[in-house]
């Protein structure tokens, strides 16, 4: 059983990279059984942007500081939060690439995510995508369905 008050399942998808993309999340309060699902997308985006956006939009739903478990199949998002972000912030939101400091990709989204997670106690959980994890599959469906409003 999770030690979190709420669980945020999140996923992003893109048809082409870049191309039309979608994001989806499920925010669950296990004690009450209440759930909220949301999705959206963008006509011209990347998979990484949609993965980040799914988590950001889910965290925006929280109205007070809480313990939240973020469950995602995105190593990009989870490693960014767990490993890379502190170094990026120390380096003025720059990352090392071939021995040089370069701007962090998707920095506006990372900064927004940083602000949101700073309000909560966060537990990060990685799940493998497309392996039958019920909530991850549902978030993937929300994200891929959202793409249809932009794709031809």
N, C-alpha and C. Protein backbone atom coordinates (compact mmCIF):
# COMPACT_ATOMS: atom_id res chain seq x y z
N UNK A 1 0.84 -1.19 0.00
CA UNK A 1 0.00 0.00 0.00
C UNK A 1 0.88 1.25 0.00
N UNK A 2 0.54 2.21 -0.81
CA UNK A 2 1.30 3.45 -0.92
C UNK A 2 1.18 4.28 0.35
N UNK A 3 2.24 4.99 0.68
CA UNK A 3 2.22 5.89 1.84
C UNK A 3 1.80 7.30 1.42
N UNK A 4 1.27 7.43 0.23
CA UNK A 4 0.86 8.74 -0.26
C UNK A 4 -0.61 8.99 0.03
N UNK A 5 -0.96 10.27 0.12
CA UNK A 5 -2.37 10.65 0.26
C UNK A 5 -3.08 10.57 -1.07
N UNK A 6 -2.36 10.92 -2.13
CA UNK A 6 -2.92 10.86 -3.48
C UNK A 6 -1.91 10.20 -4.41
N UNK A 7 -2.44 9.60 -5.46
CA UNK A 7 -1.60 8.97 -6.49
C UNK A 7 -1.93 9.65 -7.81
N UNK A 8 -0.88 10.09 -8.49
CA UNK A 8 -1.02 10.72 -9.80
C UNK A 8 -0.41 9.78 -10.84
N UNK A 9 -1.27 9.23 -11.69
CA UNK A 9 -0.84 8.41 -12.83
C UNK A 9 -0.83 9.36 -14.02
N UNK A 10 0.26 9.35 -14.79
CA UNK A 10 0.37 10.32 -15.89
C UNK A 10 1.07 9.69 -17.08
N UNK A 11 0.64 10.12 -18.28
CA UNK A 11 1.28 9.65 -19.50
C UNK A 11 1.11 10.68 -20.61
N UNK A 12 2.07 10.69 -21.51
CA UNK A 12 2.01 11.55 -22.69
C UNK A 12 2.26 10.71 -23.92
N UNK A 13 1.84 11.22 -25.06
CA UNK A 13 2.02 10.50 -26.32
C UNK A 13 2.14 11.50 -27.45
N UNK A 14 2.74 11.07 -28.53
CA UNK A 14 2.90 11.93 -29.70
C UNK A 14 2.80 11.06 -30.95
N UNK A 15 2.18 11.60 -31.98
CA UNK A 15 2.10 10.93 -33.27
C UNK A 15 3.08 11.65 -34.19
N UNK A 16 4.27 11.09 -34.28
CA UNK A 16 5.41 11.80 -34.85
C UNK A 16 6.08 12.51 -33.69
N UNK A 17 7.34 12.84 -33.84
CA UNK A 17 8.05 13.50 -32.73
C UNK A 17 9.07 14.47 -33.31
N UNK A 18 8.69 15.71 -33.61
CA UNK A 18 7.46 16.38 -33.20
C UNK A 18 6.26 16.01 -34.08
N UNK A 19 5.11 16.36 -33.54
CA UNK A 19 3.84 16.13 -34.22
C UNK A 19 2.71 16.40 -33.26
N UNK A 20 1.49 16.03 -33.62
CA UNK A 20 0.37 16.21 -32.69
C UNK A 20 0.57 15.30 -31.47
N UNK A 21 0.29 15.86 -30.30
CA UNK A 21 0.52 15.11 -29.07
C UNK A 21 -0.63 15.23 -28.10
N UNK A 22 -0.63 14.32 -27.13
CA UNK A 22 -1.66 14.34 -26.10
C UNK A 22 -1.08 13.93 -24.75
N UNK A 23 -1.79 14.30 -23.71
CA UNK A 23 -1.42 13.92 -22.36
C UNK A 23 -2.68 13.50 -21.62
N UNK A 24 -2.49 12.67 -20.60
CA UNK A 24 -3.62 12.25 -19.77
C UNK A 24 -3.14 11.92 -18.37
N UNK A 25 -4.02 12.11 -17.41
CA UNK A 25 -3.69 11.72 -16.04
C UNK A 25 -4.92 11.25 -15.30
N UNK A 26 -4.66 10.45 -14.28
CA UNK A 26 -5.67 10.05 -13.30
C UNK A 26 -5.11 10.49 -11.94
N UNK A 27 -5.89 11.24 -11.21
CA UNK A 27 -5.52 11.64 -9.86
C UNK A 27 -6.46 10.92 -8.91
N UNK A 28 -5.90 10.09 -8.04
CA UNK A 28 -6.71 9.23 -7.17
C UNK A 28 -6.42 9.53 -5.70
N UNK A 29 -7.49 9.61 -4.92
CA UNK A 29 -7.41 9.71 -3.46
C UNK A 29 -7.80 8.34 -2.92
N UNK A 30 -6.82 7.49 -2.60
CA UNK A 30 -7.14 6.10 -2.23
C UNK A 30 -8.08 5.98 -1.02
N UNK A 31 -7.96 6.85 -0.04
CA UNK A 31 -8.79 6.73 1.17
C UNK A 31 -10.27 6.88 0.87
N UNK A 32 -10.61 7.77 -0.06
CA UNK A 32 -12.02 8.02 -0.37
C UNK A 32 -12.46 7.31 -1.65
N UNK A 33 -11.49 6.90 -2.46
CA UNK A 33 -11.83 6.28 -3.74
C UNK A 33 -12.14 7.30 -4.83
N UNK A 34 -12.05 8.58 -4.51
CA UNK A 34 -12.34 9.61 -5.51
C UNK A 34 -11.22 9.67 -6.55
N UNK A 35 -11.64 9.92 -7.80
CA UNK A 35 -10.71 10.01 -8.92
C UNK A 35 -11.10 11.16 -9.83
N UNK A 36 -10.09 11.76 -10.43
CA UNK A 36 -10.29 12.78 -11.46
C UNK A 36 -9.43 12.36 -12.65
N UNK A 37 -10.00 12.41 -13.84
CA UNK A 37 -9.26 12.15 -15.08
C UNK A 37 -9.30 13.41 -15.92
N UNK A 38 -8.19 13.72 -16.56
CA UNK A 38 -8.15 14.85 -17.48
C UNK A 38 -7.21 14.49 -18.63
N UNK A 39 -7.42 15.16 -19.75
CA UNK A 39 -6.53 15.00 -20.89
C UNK A 39 -6.56 16.26 -21.73
N UNK A 40 -5.58 16.38 -22.60
CA UNK A 40 -5.49 17.50 -23.50
C UNK A 40 -4.37 17.24 -24.48
N UNK A 41 -4.04 18.24 -25.27
CA UNK A 41 -2.97 18.03 -26.23
C UNK A 41 -2.57 19.29 -26.93
N UNK A 42 -1.77 19.09 -27.96
CA UNK A 42 -1.22 20.20 -28.73
C UNK A 42 -1.00 19.71 -30.15
N UNK A 43 -1.22 20.60 -31.10
CA UNK A 43 -1.10 20.22 -32.51
C UNK A 43 0.34 19.97 -32.94
N UNK A 44 1.30 20.63 -32.30
CA UNK A 44 2.70 20.51 -32.70
C UNK A 44 3.56 20.49 -31.45
N UNK A 45 3.98 19.30 -31.06
CA UNK A 45 4.69 19.15 -29.80
C UNK A 45 5.63 17.95 -29.87
N UNK A 46 6.19 17.58 -28.72
CA UNK A 46 7.04 16.40 -28.64
C UNK A 46 6.52 15.48 -27.54
N UNK A 47 6.95 14.24 -27.60
CA UNK A 47 6.57 13.27 -26.59
C UNK A 47 7.00 13.73 -25.20
N UNK A 48 8.24 14.21 -25.07
CA UNK A 48 8.72 14.65 -23.76
C UNK A 48 7.89 15.79 -23.20
N UNK A 49 7.49 16.73 -24.05
CA UNK A 49 6.64 17.83 -23.58
C UNK A 49 5.31 17.31 -23.06
N UNK A 50 4.75 16.32 -23.74
CA UNK A 50 3.46 15.78 -23.31
C UNK A 50 3.61 14.98 -22.01
N UNK A 51 4.71 14.26 -21.85
CA UNK A 51 4.96 13.54 -20.59
C UNK A 51 5.04 14.53 -19.43
N UNK A 52 5.78 15.62 -19.61
CA UNK A 52 5.90 16.65 -18.58
C UNK A 52 4.55 17.30 -18.30
N UNK A 53 3.82 17.63 -19.35
CA UNK A 53 2.54 18.31 -19.20
C UNK A 53 1.54 17.46 -18.43
N UNK A 54 1.53 16.16 -18.65
CA UNK A 54 0.61 15.28 -17.92
C UNK A 54 0.83 15.40 -16.41
N UNK A 55 2.08 15.37 -15.99
CA UNK A 55 2.39 15.48 -14.56
C UNK A 55 2.06 16.88 -14.05
N UNK A 56 2.42 17.90 -14.80
CA UNK A 56 2.13 19.28 -14.39
C UNK A 56 0.63 19.49 -14.21
N UNK A 57 -0.15 19.08 -15.19
CA UNK A 57 -1.60 19.29 -15.10
C UNK A 57 -2.21 18.53 -13.94
N UNK A 58 -1.70 17.34 -13.66
CA UNK A 58 -2.19 16.58 -12.51
C UNK A 58 -1.85 17.27 -11.20
N UNK A 59 -0.62 17.74 -11.07
CA UNK A 59 -0.22 18.42 -9.83
C UNK A 59 -0.98 19.73 -9.63
N UNK A 60 -1.35 20.38 -10.70
CA UNK A 60 -2.13 21.63 -10.59
C UNK A 60 -3.49 21.40 -9.92
N UNK A 61 -3.98 20.17 -9.95
CA UNK A 61 -5.28 19.86 -9.36
C UNK A 61 -5.23 19.83 -7.83
N UNK A 62 -4.04 19.68 -7.27
CA UNK A 62 -3.91 19.60 -5.81
C UNK A 62 -4.08 20.97 -5.19
N UNK A 63 -4.93 21.06 -4.17
CA UNK A 63 -5.28 22.35 -3.59
C UNK A 63 -4.53 22.66 -2.30
N UNK A 64 -3.77 21.68 -1.81
CA UNK A 64 -2.99 21.92 -0.58
C UNK A 64 -1.77 21.01 -0.62
N UNK A 65 -0.75 21.34 0.19
CA UNK A 65 0.42 20.46 0.24
C UNK A 65 0.02 19.06 0.69
N UNK A 66 0.56 18.06 0.03
CA UNK A 66 0.19 16.68 0.31
C UNK A 66 1.35 15.75 -0.04
N UNK A 67 1.21 14.51 0.31
CA UNK A 67 2.14 13.48 -0.13
C UNK A 67 1.53 12.86 -1.38
N UNK A 68 2.24 12.98 -2.48
CA UNK A 68 1.72 12.52 -3.77
C UNK A 68 2.71 11.54 -4.39
N UNK A 69 2.19 10.40 -4.83
CA UNK A 69 3.00 9.45 -5.57
C UNK A 69 2.76 9.70 -7.05
N UNK A 70 3.82 9.98 -7.78
CA UNK A 70 3.74 10.18 -9.22
C UNK A 70 4.14 8.86 -9.88
N UNK A 71 3.20 8.28 -10.64
CA UNK A 71 3.42 7.00 -11.30
C UNK A 71 3.46 7.26 -12.81
N UNK A 72 4.60 6.93 -13.43
CA UNK A 72 4.77 7.24 -14.85
C UNK A 72 5.65 6.18 -15.50
N UNK A 73 5.49 6.05 -16.82
CA UNK A 73 6.40 5.20 -17.58
C UNK A 73 7.52 6.02 -18.20
N UNK A 74 7.57 7.31 -17.90
CA UNK A 74 8.55 8.21 -18.49
C UNK A 74 9.81 8.31 -17.64
N UNK A 75 10.87 7.64 -18.08
CA UNK A 75 12.15 7.78 -17.38
C UNK A 75 12.65 9.23 -17.49
N UNK A 76 12.33 9.90 -18.57
CA UNK A 76 12.72 11.30 -18.76
C UNK A 76 12.19 12.16 -17.62
N UNK A 77 10.92 12.05 -17.33
CA UNK A 77 10.31 12.85 -16.25
C UNK A 77 10.84 12.41 -14.89
N UNK A 78 10.84 11.12 -14.64
CA UNK A 78 11.22 10.63 -13.32
C UNK A 78 12.70 10.85 -13.03
N UNK A 79 13.57 10.60 -14.00
CA UNK A 79 14.99 10.86 -13.79
C UNK A 79 15.26 12.35 -13.67
N UNK A 80 14.53 13.14 -14.45
CA UNK A 80 14.68 14.59 -14.34
C UNK A 80 14.39 15.07 -12.94
N UNK A 81 13.30 14.58 -12.37
CA UNK A 81 12.93 14.98 -11.02
C UNK A 81 13.90 14.44 -9.97
N UNK A 82 14.27 13.17 -10.10
CA UNK A 82 15.06 12.50 -9.07
C UNK A 82 16.56 12.81 -9.16
N UNK A 83 17.07 12.99 -10.38
CA UNK A 83 18.52 13.05 -10.55
C UNK A 83 19.04 14.34 -11.18
N UNK A 84 18.38 14.81 -12.22
CA UNK A 84 18.97 15.86 -13.03
C UNK A 84 18.64 17.28 -12.57
N UNK A 85 17.45 17.48 -12.04
CA UNK A 85 16.96 18.84 -11.80
C UNK A 85 17.85 19.65 -10.85
N UNK A 86 18.33 19.03 -9.78
CA UNK A 86 19.16 19.78 -8.83
C UNK A 86 20.41 20.33 -9.50
N UNK A 87 21.04 19.53 -10.36
CA UNK A 87 22.21 19.99 -11.09
C UNK A 87 21.88 21.09 -12.08
N UNK A 88 20.75 20.94 -12.77
CA UNK A 88 20.33 21.98 -13.71
C UNK A 88 20.14 23.30 -12.99
N UNK A 89 19.50 23.26 -11.84
CA UNK A 89 19.25 24.48 -11.09
C UNK A 89 20.57 25.10 -10.62
N UNK A 90 21.49 24.27 -10.14
CA UNK A 90 22.81 24.75 -9.70
C UNK A 90 23.54 25.43 -10.85
N UNK A 91 23.33 24.91 -12.07
CA UNK A 91 24.02 25.44 -13.25
C UNK A 91 23.19 26.46 -14.02
N UNK A 92 22.20 27.08 -13.36
CA UNK A 92 21.38 28.09 -14.03
C UNK A 92 20.50 27.51 -15.11
N UNK A 93 19.92 26.32 -14.85
CA UNK A 93 19.06 25.61 -15.79
C UNK A 93 19.80 25.28 -17.09
N UNK A 94 21.04 24.85 -16.90
CA UNK A 94 21.84 24.36 -18.02
C UNK A 94 22.28 22.93 -17.71
N UNK A 95 22.51 22.16 -18.79
CA UNK A 95 22.94 20.77 -18.65
C UNK A 95 24.26 20.59 -19.39
N UNK A 96 25.01 19.61 -18.96
CA UNK A 96 26.28 19.34 -19.62
C UNK A 96 26.05 18.48 -20.84
N UNK A 97 26.62 18.92 -21.95
CA UNK A 97 26.54 18.16 -23.21
C UNK A 97 27.88 18.31 -23.91
N UNK A 98 28.58 17.19 -24.08
CA UNK A 98 29.90 17.19 -24.72
C UNK A 98 30.83 18.18 -24.04
N UNK A 99 30.79 18.20 -22.71
CA UNK A 99 31.70 19.04 -21.94
C UNK A 99 31.32 20.51 -21.85
N UNK A 100 30.21 20.89 -22.44
CA UNK A 100 29.77 22.29 -22.41
C UNK A 100 28.42 22.38 -21.73
N UNK A 101 28.15 23.54 -21.14
CA UNK A 101 26.83 23.78 -20.56
C UNK A 101 25.89 24.30 -21.64
N UNK A 102 24.78 23.59 -21.80
CA UNK A 102 23.78 23.94 -22.81
C UNK A 102 22.44 24.17 -22.10
N UNK A 103 21.55 24.97 -22.70
CA UNK A 103 20.24 25.17 -22.07
C UNK A 103 19.48 23.84 -21.94
N UNK A 104 18.76 23.69 -20.84
CA UNK A 104 17.91 22.52 -20.63
C UNK A 104 16.77 22.57 -21.63
N UNK A 105 16.51 21.45 -22.29
CA UNK A 105 15.37 21.39 -23.21
C UNK A 105 14.09 21.41 -22.39
N UNK A 106 13.07 22.07 -22.90
CA UNK A 106 11.76 22.18 -22.24
C UNK A 106 11.86 22.88 -20.89
N UNK A 107 12.76 23.84 -20.79
CA UNK A 107 13.06 24.48 -19.50
C UNK A 107 11.83 25.12 -18.86
N UNK A 108 10.92 25.69 -19.65
CA UNK A 108 9.73 26.32 -19.06
C UNK A 108 8.88 25.29 -18.34
N UNK A 109 8.74 24.11 -18.95
CA UNK A 109 7.97 23.05 -18.32
C UNK A 109 8.68 22.51 -17.08
N UNK A 110 9.99 22.34 -17.16
CA UNK A 110 10.75 21.87 -16.00
C UNK A 110 10.65 22.86 -14.83
N UNK A 111 10.73 24.14 -15.13
CA UNK A 111 10.61 25.16 -14.07
C UNK A 111 9.22 25.11 -13.43
N UNK A 112 8.20 24.95 -14.24
CA UNK A 112 6.84 24.85 -13.71
C UNK A 112 6.69 23.59 -12.85
N UNK A 113 7.23 22.49 -13.33
CA UNK A 113 7.18 21.24 -12.57
C UNK A 113 7.95 21.39 -11.25
N UNK A 114 9.10 22.03 -11.29
CA UNK A 114 9.89 22.26 -10.08
C UNK A 114 9.08 23.03 -9.04
N UNK A 115 8.40 24.07 -9.46
CA UNK A 115 7.59 24.87 -8.54
C UNK A 115 6.46 24.02 -7.94
N UNK A 116 5.81 23.23 -8.76
CA UNK A 116 4.70 22.40 -8.29
C UNK A 116 5.16 21.32 -7.31
N UNK A 117 6.25 20.62 -7.62
CA UNK A 117 6.69 19.55 -6.71
C UNK A 117 7.24 20.11 -5.41
N UNK A 118 7.70 21.35 -5.43
CA UNK A 118 8.24 21.95 -4.20
C UNK A 118 7.17 22.14 -3.13
N UNK A 119 5.92 22.10 -3.51
CA UNK A 119 4.81 22.28 -2.57
C UNK A 119 4.40 20.98 -1.89
N UNK A 120 4.94 19.85 -2.33
CA UNK A 120 4.46 18.55 -1.88
C UNK A 120 5.62 17.63 -1.49
N UNK A 121 5.29 16.58 -0.77
CA UNK A 121 6.23 15.47 -0.58
C UNK A 121 5.94 14.51 -1.72
N UNK A 122 6.95 14.23 -2.53
CA UNK A 122 6.75 13.48 -3.76
C UNK A 122 7.45 12.13 -3.68
N UNK A 123 6.72 11.10 -4.08
CA UNK A 123 7.24 9.75 -4.23
C UNK A 123 7.18 9.43 -5.72
N UNK A 124 8.29 8.98 -6.29
CA UNK A 124 8.35 8.70 -7.72
C UNK A 124 8.34 7.19 -7.95
N UNK A 125 7.45 6.75 -8.83
CA UNK A 125 7.34 5.33 -9.15
C UNK A 125 7.33 5.14 -10.66
N UNK A 126 8.26 4.32 -11.14
CA UNK A 126 8.33 4.01 -12.56
C UNK A 126 7.57 2.70 -12.83
N UNK A 127 6.77 2.72 -13.89
CA UNK A 127 6.13 1.50 -14.39
C UNK A 127 6.52 1.35 -15.85
N UNK A 128 6.64 0.12 -16.31
CA UNK A 128 6.90 -0.10 -17.73
C UNK A 128 5.64 0.20 -18.52
N UNK A 129 5.80 0.92 -19.61
CA UNK A 129 4.66 1.25 -20.46
C UNK A 129 4.21 0.05 -21.28
N UNK A 130 2.94 0.03 -21.58
CA UNK A 130 2.34 -0.96 -22.48
C UNK A 130 2.56 -2.40 -21.99
N UNK A 131 2.44 -2.56 -20.68
CA UNK A 131 2.62 -3.90 -20.10
C UNK A 131 1.41 -4.34 -19.29
N UNK A 132 0.28 -3.65 -19.48
CA UNK A 132 -0.93 -4.06 -18.81
C UNK A 132 -1.20 -3.39 -17.47
N UNK A 133 -0.36 -2.44 -17.07
CA UNK A 133 -0.63 -1.68 -15.84
C UNK A 133 -1.92 -0.88 -16.09
N UNK A 134 -2.96 -1.16 -15.35
CA UNK A 134 -4.30 -0.64 -15.66
C UNK A 134 -4.33 0.87 -15.77
N UNK A 135 -3.81 1.57 -14.78
CA UNK A 135 -3.87 3.04 -14.79
C UNK A 135 -2.97 3.63 -15.86
N UNK A 136 -1.80 3.03 -16.06
CA UNK A 136 -0.91 3.53 -17.11
C UNK A 136 -1.55 3.35 -18.48
N UNK A 137 -2.19 2.21 -18.69
CA UNK A 137 -2.89 1.97 -19.96
C UNK A 137 -4.02 2.98 -20.15
N UNK A 138 -4.74 3.28 -19.06
CA UNK A 138 -5.83 4.25 -19.15
C UNK A 138 -5.29 5.64 -19.49
N UNK A 139 -4.20 6.04 -18.87
CA UNK A 139 -3.60 7.35 -19.17
C UNK A 139 -3.11 7.40 -20.61
N UNK A 140 -2.54 6.30 -21.09
CA UNK A 140 -2.10 6.23 -22.48
C UNK A 140 -3.30 6.41 -23.41
N UNK A 141 -4.41 5.78 -23.08
CA UNK A 141 -5.63 5.90 -23.89
C UNK A 141 -6.14 7.35 -23.88
N UNK A 142 -6.12 7.98 -22.71
CA UNK A 142 -6.53 9.39 -22.62
C UNK A 142 -5.64 10.26 -23.51
N UNK A 143 -4.33 10.01 -23.45
CA UNK A 143 -3.38 10.81 -24.23
C UNK A 143 -3.54 10.58 -25.72
N UNK A 144 -3.64 9.31 -26.13
CA UNK A 144 -3.75 9.03 -27.57
C UNK A 144 -5.09 9.49 -28.13
N UNK A 145 -6.14 9.42 -27.33
CA UNK A 145 -7.44 9.93 -27.78
C UNK A 145 -7.38 11.45 -27.95
N UNK A 146 -6.68 12.12 -27.05
CA UNK A 146 -6.55 13.59 -27.15
C UNK A 146 -5.84 14.01 -28.43
N UNK A 147 -4.95 13.18 -28.91
CA UNK A 147 -4.22 13.50 -30.15
C UNK A 147 -5.20 13.65 -31.32
N UNK A 148 -6.27 12.86 -31.31
CA UNK A 148 -7.18 12.83 -32.45
C UNK A 148 -7.80 14.19 -32.77
N UNK A 149 -7.90 15.08 -31.79
CA UNK A 149 -8.46 16.40 -32.08
C UNK A 149 -7.50 17.25 -32.91
N UNK A 150 -6.23 16.83 -32.99
CA UNK A 150 -5.22 17.60 -33.74
C UNK A 150 -4.73 16.88 -34.99
N UNK A 151 -4.84 15.55 -35.00
CA UNK A 151 -4.30 14.76 -36.11
C UNK A 151 -5.30 14.70 -37.26
N UNK A 152 -4.79 14.59 -38.45
CA UNK A 152 -5.65 14.48 -39.63
C UNK A 152 -5.96 13.05 -39.94
